[in-house]
Amino acid sequence: MAQSYWTIWPQPILYLSGFRWHARKVSSQPEKDRTEEQYILSGVASVMDSDGRRLTR
């Protein structure tokens, strides 16, 4: 039962959980390191956009 539950569990939800954890980790880093991290995170977010639109700031 539990195995089938994880089989049908939407993958994007799992990715978003890791994404939020990584975002919290980045927020605790020095400003020097945040620019590169934010660039990476924004790139991941654009790929994860469910509507297929590029996320821009």
PDB file of N, CA and C in Angstrom:
ATOM      1  N   MET A   1       0.837  -1.200   0.000  1.00  0.00           N
ATOM      2  CA  MET A   1       0.000   0.000   0.000  1.00  0.00           C
ATOM      3  C   MET A   1       0.874   1.251   0.000  1.00  0.00           C
ATOM      4  N   ALA A   2       1.806   1.281   0.952  1.00  0.00           N
ATOM      5  CA  ALA A   2       2.678   2.453   1.048  1.00  0.00           C
ATOM      6  C   ALA A   2       3.573   2.567  -0.182  1.00  0.00           C
ATOM      7  N   GLN A   3       4.002   1.420  -0.693  1.00  0.00           N
ATOM      8  CA  GLN A   3       4.886   1.441  -1.861  1.00  0.00           C
ATOM      9  C   GLN A   3       4.158   2.023  -3.078  1.00  0.00           C
ATOM     10  N   SER A   4       2.910   1.605  -3.286  1.00  0.00           N
ATOM     11  CA  SER A   4       2.148   2.127  -4.416  1.00  0.00           C
ATOM     12  C   SER A   4       1.864   3.614  -4.225  1.00  0.00           C
ATOM     13  N   TYR A   5       1.698   4.030  -2.959  1.00  0.00           N
ATOM     14  CA  TYR A   5       1.454   5.439  -2.670  1.00  0.00           C
ATOM     15  C   TYR A   5       2.618   6.290  -3.143  1.00  0.00           C
ATOM     16  N   TRP A   6       3.839   5.847  -2.849  1.00  0.00           N
ATOM     17  CA  TRP A   6       5.020   6.602  -3.270  1.00  0.00           C
ATOM     18  C   TRP A   6       5.222   6.515  -4.779  1.00  0.00           C
ATOM     19  N   THR A   7       4.732   5.436  -5.377  1.00  0.00           N
ATOM     20  CA  THR A   7       4.859   5.292  -6.826  1.00  0.00           C
ATOM     21  C   THR A   7       4.028   6.335  -7.554  1.00  0.00           C
ATOM     22  N   ILE A   8       2.816   6.614  -7.037  1.00  0.00           N
ATOM     23  CA  ILE A   8       1.930   7.567  -7.707  1.00  0.00           C
ATOM     24  C   ILE A   8       2.098   8.983  -7.168  1.00  0.00           C
ATOM     25  N   TRP A   9       2.969   9.141  -6.161  1.00  0.00           N
ATOM     26  CA  TRP A   9       3.148  10.471  -5.583  1.00  0.00           C
ATOM     27  C   TRP A   9       3.780  11.392  -6.619  1.00  0.00           C
ATOM     28  N   PRO A  10       3.175  12.587  -6.841  1.00  0.00           N
ATOM     29  CA  PRO A  10       3.687  13.517  -7.865  1.00  0.00           C
ATOM     30  C   PRO A  10       5.132  13.905  -7.601  1.00  0.00           C
ATOM     31  N   GLN A  11       5.999  13.680  -8.557  1.00  0.00           N
ATOM     32  CA  GLN A  11       7.410  14.010  -8.407  1.00  0.00           C
ATOM     33  C   GLN A  11       7.649  15.497  -8.150  1.00  0.00           C
ATOM     34  N   PRO A  12       6.944  16.417  -8.824  1.00  0.00           N
ATOM     35  CA  PRO A  12       7.191  17.851  -8.574  1.00  0.00           C
ATOM     36  C   PRO A  12       7.069  18.234  -7.106  1.00  0.00           C
ATOM     37  N   ILE A  13       6.166  17.568  -6.368  1.00  0.00           N
ATOM     38  CA  ILE A  13       6.011  17.873  -4.947  1.00  0.00           C
ATOM     39  C   ILE A  13       7.297  17.545  -4.202  1.00  0.00           C
ATOM     40  N   LEU A  14       7.907  16.417  -4.526  1.00  0.00           N
ATOM     41  CA  LEU A  14       9.159  16.033  -3.875  1.00  0.00           C
ATOM     42  C   LEU A  14      10.259  17.024  -4.212  1.00  0.00           C
ATOM     43  N   TYR A  15      10.295  17.477  -5.472  1.00  0.00           N
ATOM     44  CA  TYR A  15      11.312  18.441  -5.880  1.00  0.00           C
ATOM     45  C   TYR A  15      11.107  19.767  -5.159  1.00  0.00           C
ATOM     46  N   LEU A  16       9.847  20.198  -5.014  1.00  0.00           N
ATOM     47  CA  LEU A  16       9.560  21.465  -4.344  1.00  0.00           C
ATOM     48  C   LEU A  16       9.973  21.416  -2.882  1.00  0.00           C
ATOM     49  N   SER A  17       9.808  20.256  -2.241  1.00  0.00           N
ATOM     50  CA  SER A  17      10.220  20.120  -0.846  1.00  0.00           C
ATOM     51  C   SER A  17      11.718  20.348  -0.716  1.00  0.00           C
ATOM     52  N   GLY A  18      12.492  19.727  -1.590  1.00  0.00           N
ATOM     53  CA  GLY A  18      13.941  19.917  -1.581  1.00  0.00           C
ATOM     54  C   GLY A  18      14.309  21.337  -1.962  1.00  0.00           C
ATOM     55  N   PHE A  19      13.523  21.920  -2.860  1.00  0.00           N
ATOM     56  CA  PHE A  19      13.785  23.289  -3.307  1.00  0.00           C
ATOM     57  C   PHE A  19      13.643  24.262  -2.138  1.00  0.00           C
ATOM     58  N   ARG A  20      12.566  24.104  -1.342  1.00  0.00           N
ATOM     59  CA  ARG A  20      12.346  24.989  -0.195  1.00  0.00           C
ATOM     60  C   ARG A  20      13.445  24.804   0.845  1.00  0.00           C
ATOM     61  N   TRP A  21      13.866  23.558   1.070  1.00  0.00           N
ATOM     62  CA  TRP A  21      14.934  23.303   2.040  1.00  0.00           C
ATOM     63  C   TRP A  21      16.218  23.976   1.592  1.00  0.00           C
ATOM     64  N   HIS A  22      16.518  23.878   0.306  1.00  0.00           N
ATOM     65  CA  HIS A  22      17.737  24.484  -0.220  1.00  0.00           C
ATOM     66  C   HIS A  22      17.651  26.005  -0.120  1.00  0.00           C
ATOM     67  N   ALA A  23      16.464  26.557  -0.346  1.00  0.00           N
ATOM     68  CA  ALA A  23      16.279  28.008  -0.260  1.00  0.00           C
ATOM     69  C   ALA A  23      16.552  28.490   1.160  1.00  0.00           C
ATOM     70  N   ARG A  24      16.090  27.741   2.159  1.00  0.00           N
ATOM     71  CA  ARG A  24      16.357  28.116   3.556  1.00  0.00           C
ATOM     72  C   ARG A  24      17.845  28.034   3.849  1.00  0.00           C
ATOM     73  N   LYS A  25      18.502  27.026   3.310  1.00  0.00           N
ATOM     74  CA  LYS A  25      19.937  26.869   3.500  1.00  0.00           C
ATOM     75  C   LYS A  25      20.686  28.046   2.884  1.00  0.00           C
ATOM     76  N   VAL A  26      20.253  28.482   1.704  1.00  0.00           N
ATOM     77  CA  VAL A  26      20.902  29.603   1.018  1.00  0.00           C
ATOM     78  C   VAL A  26      20.733  30.888   1.818  1.00  0.00           C
ATOM     79  N   SER A  27      19.564  31.076   2.429  1.00  0.00           N
ATOM     80  CA  SER A  27      19.285  32.320   3.143  1.00  0.00           C
ATOM     81  C   SER A  27      20.214  32.508   4.340  1.00  0.00           C
ATOM     82  N   SER A  28      20.821  31.423   4.815  1.00  0.00           N
ATOM     83  CA  SER A  28      21.716  31.510   5.968  1.00  0.00           C
ATOM     84  C   SER A  28      23.166  31.705   5.551  1.00  0.00           C
ATOM     85  N   GLN A  29      23.430  31.695   4.239  1.00  0.00           N
ATOM     86  CA  GLN A  29      24.796  31.842   3.761  1.00  0.00           C
ATOM     87  C   GLN A  29      25.166  33.320   3.608  1.00  0.00           C
ATOM     88  N   PRO A  30      26.466  33.624   3.618  1.00  0.00           N
ATOM     89  CA  PRO A  30      26.929  34.998   3.410  1.00  0.00           C
ATOM     90  C   PRO A  30      26.453  35.541   2.072  1.00  0.00           C
ATOM     91  N   GLU A  31      26.308  36.856   2.004  1.00  0.00           N
ATOM     92  CA  GLU A  31      25.806  37.501   0.787  1.00  0.00           C
ATOM     93  C   GLU A  31      26.667  37.171  -0.427  1.00  0.00           C
ATOM     94  N   LYS A  32      27.963  36.956  -0.203  1.00  0.00           N
ATOM     95  CA  LYS A  32      28.895  36.667  -1.298  1.00  0.00           C
ATOM     96  C   LYS A  32      28.475  35.410  -2.072  1.00  0.00           C
ATOM     97  N   ASP A  33      27.979  34.411  -1.343  1.00  0.00           N
ATOM     98  CA  ASP A  33      27.652  33.138  -1.978  1.00  0.00           C
ATOM     99  C   ASP A  33      26.222  33.109  -2.518  1.00  0.00           C
ATOM    100  N   ARG A  34      25.410  34.073  -2.126  1.00  0.00           N
ATOM    101  CA  ARG A  34      23.990  34.008  -2.459  1.00  0.00           C
ATOM    102  C   ARG A  34      23.723  34.328  -3.926  1.00  0.00           C
ATOM    103  N   THR A  35      24.571  35.135  -4.546  1.00  0.00           N
ATOM    104  CA  THR A  35      24.333  35.506  -5.944  1.00  0.00           C
ATOM    105  C   THR A  35      24.346  34.278  -6.845  1.00  0.00           C
ATOM    106  N   GLU A  36      25.373  33.450  -6.697  1.00  0.00           N
ATOM    107  CA  GLU A  36      25.471  32.239  -7.517  1.00  0.00           C
ATOM    108  C   GLU A  36      24.336  31.276  -7.197  1.00  0.00           C
ATOM    109  N   GLU A  37      24.033  31.133  -5.915  1.00  0.00           N
ATOM    110  CA  GLU A  37      22.972  30.221  -5.504  1.00  0.00           C
ATOM    111  C   GLU A  37      21.628  30.672  -6.069  1.00  0.00           C
ATOM    112  N   GLN A  38      21.345  31.971  -5.977  1.00  0.00           N
ATOM    113  CA  GLN A  38      20.076  32.490  -6.486  1.00  0.00           C
ATOM    114  C   GLN A  38      19.974  32.276  -7.990  1.00  0.00           C
ATOM    115  N   TYR A  39      21.100  32.403  -8.680  1.00  0.00           N
ATOM    116  CA  TYR A  39      21.117  32.173 -10.129  1.00  0.00           C
ATOM    117  C   TYR A  39      20.740  30.724 -10.436  1.00  0.00           C
ATOM    118  N   ILE A  40      21.313  29.807  -9.662  1.00  0.00           N
ATOM    119  CA  ILE A  40      21.018  28.388  -9.846  1.00  0.00           C
ATOM    120  C   ILE A  40      19.554  28.105  -9.514  1.00  0.00           C
ATOM    121  N   LEU A  41      19.087  28.651  -8.389  1.00  0.00           N
ATOM    122  CA  LEU A  41      17.719  28.411  -7.964  1.00  0.00           C
ATOM    123  C   LEU A  41      16.726  28.966  -8.972  1.00  0.00           C
ATOM    124  N   SER A  42      17.005  30.145  -9.522  1.00  0.00           N
ATOM    125  CA  SER A  42      16.102  30.735 -10.507  1.00  0.00           C
ATOM    126  C   SER A  42      16.064  29.875 -11.768  1.00  0.00           C
ATOM    127  N   GLY A  43      17.214  29.295 -12.122  1.00  0.00           N
ATOM    128  CA  GLY A  43      17.254  28.407 -13.274  1.00  0.00           C
ATOM    129  C   GLY A  43      16.431  27.156 -13.031  1.00  0.00           C
ATOM    130  N   VAL A  44      16.519  26.602 -11.824  1.00  0.00           N
ATOM    131  CA  VAL A  44      15.730  25.421 -11.474  1.00  0.00           C
ATOM    132  C   VAL A  44      14.248  25.763 -11.491  1.00  0.00           C
ATOM    133  N   ALA A  45      13.910  26.944 -10.970  1.00  0.00           N
ATOM    134  CA  ALA A  45      12.511  27.365 -10.911  1.00  0.00           C
ATOM    135  C   ALA A  45      11.927  27.500 -12.311  1.00  0.00           C
ATOM    136  N   SER A  46      12.727  28.016 -13.243  1.00  0.00           N
ATOM    137  CA  SER A  46      12.230  28.181 -14.609  1.00  0.00           C
ATOM    138  C   SER A  46      11.939  26.821 -15.235  1.00  0.00           C
ATOM    139  N   VAL A  47      12.759  25.825 -14.907  1.00  0.00           N
ATOM    140  CA  VAL A  47      12.546  24.479 -15.431  1.00  0.00           C
ATOM    141  C   VAL A  47      11.311  23.850 -14.794  1.00  0.00           C
ATOM    142  N   MET A  48      11.080  24.156 -13.522  1.00  0.00           N
ATOM    143  CA  MET A  48       9.991  23.540 -12.777  1.00  0.00           C
ATOM    144  C   MET A  48       8.646  24.211 -13.016  1.00  0.00           C
ATOM    145  N   ASP A  49       8.615  25.342 -13.731  1.00  0.00           N
ATOM    146  CA  ASP A  49       7.363  26.059 -13.954  1.00  0.00           C
ATOM    147  C   ASP A  49       6.354  25.141 -14.641  1.00  0.00           C
ATOM    148  N   SER A  50       5.232  24.898 -13.984  1.00  0.00           N
ATOM    149  CA  SER A  50       4.264  23.924 -14.480  1.00  0.00           C
ATOM    150  C   SER A  50       3.584  24.387 -15.767  1.00  0.00           C
ATOM    151  N   ASP A  51       3.536  25.687 -16.013  1.00  0.00           N
ATOM    152  CA  ASP A  51       2.875  26.217 -17.204  1.00  0.00           C
ATOM    153  C   ASP A  51       3.818  26.297 -18.395  1.00  0.00           C
ATOM    154  N   GLY A  52       5.089  25.963 -18.187  1.00  0.00           N
ATOM    155  CA  GLY A  52       6.044  25.991 -19.274  1.00  0.00           C
ATOM    156  C   GLY A  52       6.551  27.389 -19.585  1.00  0.00           C
ATOM    157  N   ARG A  53       6.261  28.343 -18.703  1.00  0.00           N
ATOM    158  CA  ARG A  53       6.726  29.713 -18.918  1.00  0.00           C
ATOM    159  C   ARG A  53       8.047  29.920 -18.206  1.00  0.00           C
ATOM    160  N   ARG A  54       8.904  30.753 -18.765  1.00  0.00           N
ATOM    161  CA  ARG A  54      10.169  31.088 -18.116  1.00  0.00           C
ATOM    162  C   ARG A  54       9.888  32.056 -16.980  1.00  0.00           C
ATOM    163  N   LEU A  55      10.361  31.715 -15.781  1.00  0.00           N
ATOM    164  CA  LEU A  55      10.180  32.621 -14.649  1.00  0.00           C
ATOM    165  C   LEU A  55      11.246  33.705 -14.703  1.00  0.00           C
ATOM    166  N   THR A  56      10.797  34.950 -14.745  1.00  0.00           N
ATOM    167  CA  THR A  56      11.737  36.067 -14.798  1.00  0.00           C
ATOM    168  C   THR A  56      11.477  37.006 -13.637  1.00  0.00           C
ATOM    169  N   ARG A  57      12.527  37.705 -13.214  1.00  0.00           N
ATOM    170  CA  ARG A  57      12.377  38.637 -12.095  1.00  0.00           C
ATOM    171  C   ARG A  57      12.156  40.046 -12.623  1.00  0.00           C
TER     172      ARG A  57
END
